[in-house]
Structures are given as C-alpha cells and as structure tokens.
Amino acid sequence: MEAALTESTWQSVRERLESERRRINDEIEHYPPPIPRCDAQFNYLLEARANIARELSRLEALALTSQGSDEPMPVLEEFIRTSQFIH
C-alpha cells in the first residue's frame, strides 16, 4: 500500500511538472512577434523552459535511485521542498 502511495505521489509530481512545461511551451509558441533580443518576459520564459527541463531530469534521476531505497518518500519530499515549480 505504501509503495502504491509513493508511486502515486511521484506520478503526481511528474504530471505537475509536465503540465507546467506544456504551459511554458505554449506561452513561448504564442508569444506575439516581433520578439526583440532584450525582451525580458520572453527571456524569462526561455529560462523557465530550461529550468523545468532540468527539474524533470532531476525528478527522473531521483525516482530511479530511490526505487531500491527502503525510504523513498523523504527523497520525494526533499524534491518537492526544493523545486521552484512545486508550490
């Protein structure tokens, strides 16, 4: 039962990050042209897209390493606490 809850929590976090990635990509795709190089909002979106990709990679790496752990939940809780995309 606890393993199912843990897997469900990993999946919920993954889905939240994927949702945020889709939102950011949609904003970038529909950003009104022309886009000057110094456009702070657009540059922020590009940075957010790179950050969300890193967060997803970090989540997947932690999920893999915690699979063999007796206590995977503290690892997930730490990820949630330190992620800039999970509020």
C-alpha atoms as a PDB file:
ATOM      1  CA  MET A   1       0.000   0.000   0.000  1.00  0.00           C
ATOM      2  CA  GLU A   2       2.777   2.461   0.916  1.00  0.00           C
ATOM      3  CA  ALA A   3       4.607   1.641  -2.334  1.00  0.00           C
ATOM      4  CA  ALA A   4       1.472   2.459  -4.316  1.00  0.00           C
ATOM      5  CA  LEU A   5       1.080   5.757  -2.456  1.00  0.00           C
ATOM      6  CA  THR A   6       4.716   6.628  -3.092  1.00  0.00           C
ATOM      7  CA  GLU A   7       4.411   5.808  -6.808  1.00  0.00           C
ATOM      8  CA  SER A   8       1.216   7.832  -7.000  1.00  0.00           C
ATOM      9  CA  THR A   9       2.975  10.796  -5.403  1.00  0.00           C
ATOM     10  CA  TRP A  10       5.922  10.524  -7.830  1.00  0.00           C
ATOM     11  CA  GLN A  11       3.418  10.428 -10.692  1.00  0.00           C
ATOM     12  CA  SER A  12       1.517  13.470  -9.375  1.00  0.00           C
ATOM     13  CA  VAL A  13       4.725  15.492  -9.121  1.00  0.00           C
ATOM     14  CA  ARG A  14       5.753  14.379 -12.621  1.00  0.00           C
ATOM     15  CA  GLU A  15       2.345  15.367 -14.013  1.00  0.00           C
ATOM     16  CA  ARG A  16       2.551  18.772 -12.312  1.00  0.00           C
ATOM     17  CA  LEU A  17       5.953  19.441 -13.862  1.00  0.00           C
ATOM     18  CA  GLU A  18       4.796  18.225 -17.284  1.00  0.00           C
ATOM     19  CA  SER A  19       1.765  20.499 -17.052  1.00  0.00           C
ATOM     20  CA  GLU A  20       3.987  23.449 -16.235  1.00  0.00           C
ATOM     21  CA  ARG A  21       6.294  22.547 -19.132  1.00  0.00           C
ATOM     22  CA  ARG A  22       3.328  22.487 -21.527  1.00  0.00           C
ATOM     23  CA  ARG A  23       2.139  25.866 -20.208  1.00  0.00           C
ATOM     24  CA  ILE A  24       5.568  27.443 -20.684  1.00  0.00           C
ATOM     25  CA  ASN A  25       5.974  25.955 -24.167  1.00  0.00           C
ATOM     26  CA  ASP A  26       2.518  27.204 -25.121  1.00  0.00           C
ATOM     27  CA  GLU A  27       3.390  30.724 -23.947  1.00  0.00           C
ATOM     28  CA  ILE A  28       6.597  30.663 -25.970  1.00  0.00           C
ATOM     29  CA  GLU A  29       4.823  29.315 -29.047  1.00  0.00           C
ATOM     30  CA  HIS A  30       2.124  32.002 -28.891  1.00  0.00           C
ATOM     31  CA  TYR A  31       4.351  34.908 -27.885  1.00  0.00           C
ATOM     32  CA  PRO A  32       3.488  37.876 -30.098  1.00  0.00           C
ATOM     33  CA  PRO A  33       6.120  38.835 -32.646  1.00  0.00           C
ATOM     34  CA  PRO A  34       8.370  40.600 -33.203  1.00  0.00           C
ATOM     35  CA  ILE A  35      10.474  39.439 -30.284  1.00  0.00           C
ATOM     36  CA  PRO A  36      13.491  41.648 -29.616  1.00  0.00           C
ATOM     37  CA  ARG A  37      16.550  40.003 -28.056  1.00  0.00           C
ATOM     38  CA  CYS A  38      16.167  42.181 -24.970  1.00  0.00           C
ATOM     39  CA  ASP A  39      12.541  41.181 -24.290  1.00  0.00           C
ATOM     40  CA  ALA A  40      12.727  40.379 -20.563  1.00  0.00           C
ATOM     41  CA  GLN A  41       9.458  38.392 -20.428  1.00  0.00           C
ATOM     42  CA  PHE A  42      10.387  36.204 -23.392  1.00  0.00           C
ATOM     43  CA  ASN A  43      13.874  35.615 -21.999  1.00  0.00           C
ATOM     44  CA  TYR A  44      12.270  34.681 -18.669  1.00  0.00           C
ATOM     45  CA  LEU A  45      10.128  32.085 -20.472  1.00  0.00           C
ATOM     46  CA  LEU A  46      13.196  30.627 -22.193  1.00  0.00           C
ATOM     47  CA  GLU A  47      14.954  30.376 -18.840  1.00  0.00           C
ATOM     48  CA  ALA A  48      11.877  28.788 -17.250  1.00  0.00           C
ATOM     49  CA  ARG A  49      11.757  26.221 -20.068  1.00  0.00           C
ATOM     50  CA  ALA A  50      15.387  25.263 -19.421  1.00  0.00           C
ATOM     51  CA  ASN A  51      14.765  25.109 -15.662  1.00  0.00           C
ATOM     52  CA  ILE A  52      11.686  22.891 -15.984  1.00  0.00           C
ATOM     53  CA  ALA A  53      13.662  20.512 -18.224  1.00  0.00           C
ATOM     54  CA  ARG A  54      16.356  20.291 -15.525  1.00  0.00           C
ATOM     55  CA  GLU A  55      13.717  19.694 -12.845  1.00  0.00           C
ATOM     56  CA  LEU A  56      12.171  16.857 -14.852  1.00  0.00           C
ATOM     57  CA  SER A  57      15.610  15.288 -15.354  1.00  0.00           C
ATOM     58  CA  ARG A  58      16.357  15.637 -11.644  1.00  0.00           C
ATOM     59  CA  LEU A  59      12.994  14.069 -10.763  1.00  0.00           C
ATOM     60  CA  GLU A  60      13.603  11.099 -13.061  1.00  0.00           C
ATOM     61  CA  ALA A  61      17.107  10.560 -11.661  1.00  0.00           C
ATOM     62  CA  LEU A  62      15.804  10.665  -8.092  1.00  0.00           C
ATOM     63  CA  ALA A  63      12.950   8.320  -8.959  1.00  0.00           C
ATOM     64  CA  LEU A  64      15.402   5.791 -10.374  1.00  0.00           C
ATOM     65  CA  THR A  65      17.804   5.972  -7.449  1.00  0.00           C
ATOM     66  CA  SER A  66      15.043   5.809  -4.854  1.00  0.00           C
ATOM     67  CA  GLN A  67      13.447   2.671  -6.342  1.00  0.00           C
ATOM     68  CA  GLY A  68      15.818   0.457  -4.407  1.00  0.00           C
ATOM     69  CA  SER A  69      15.533   2.522  -1.255  1.00  0.00           C
ATOM     70  CA  ASP A  70      13.613   1.473   1.829  1.00  0.00           C
ATOM     71  CA  GLU A  71      12.640   5.129   2.387  1.00  0.00           C
ATOM     72  CA  PRO A  72      11.824   6.785  -0.968  1.00  0.00           C
ATOM     73  CA  MET A  73       9.360   9.306   0.477  1.00  0.00           C
ATOM     74  CA  PRO A  74      11.975  11.578   2.156  1.00  0.00           C
ATOM     75  CA  VAL A  75      13.739  11.885  -1.214  1.00  0.00           C
ATOM     76  CA  LEU A  76      10.493  12.927  -2.876  1.00  0.00           C
ATOM     77  CA  GLU A  77       9.631  15.329  -0.061  1.00  0.00           C
ATOM     78  CA  GLU A  78      13.043  16.986  -0.441  1.00  0.00           C
ATOM     79  CA  PHE A  79      12.486  17.340  -4.179  1.00  0.00           C
ATOM     80  CA  ILE A  80       9.098  18.956  -3.600  1.00  0.00           C
ATOM     81  CA  ARG A  81      10.546  21.287  -0.985  1.00  0.00           C
ATOM     82  CA  THR A  82      13.393  22.457  -3.245  1.00  0.00           C
ATOM     83  CA  SER A  83      11.594  22.610  -6.588  1.00  0.00           C
ATOM     84  CA  GLN A  84      10.830  26.092  -7.862  1.00  0.00           C
ATOM     85  CA  PHE A  85       7.855  24.708  -9.793  1.00  0.00           C
ATOM     86  CA  ILE A  86       6.021  22.886  -6.999  1.00  0.00           C
ATOM     87  CA  HIS A  87       4.206  25.257  -4.668  1.00  0.00           C
END
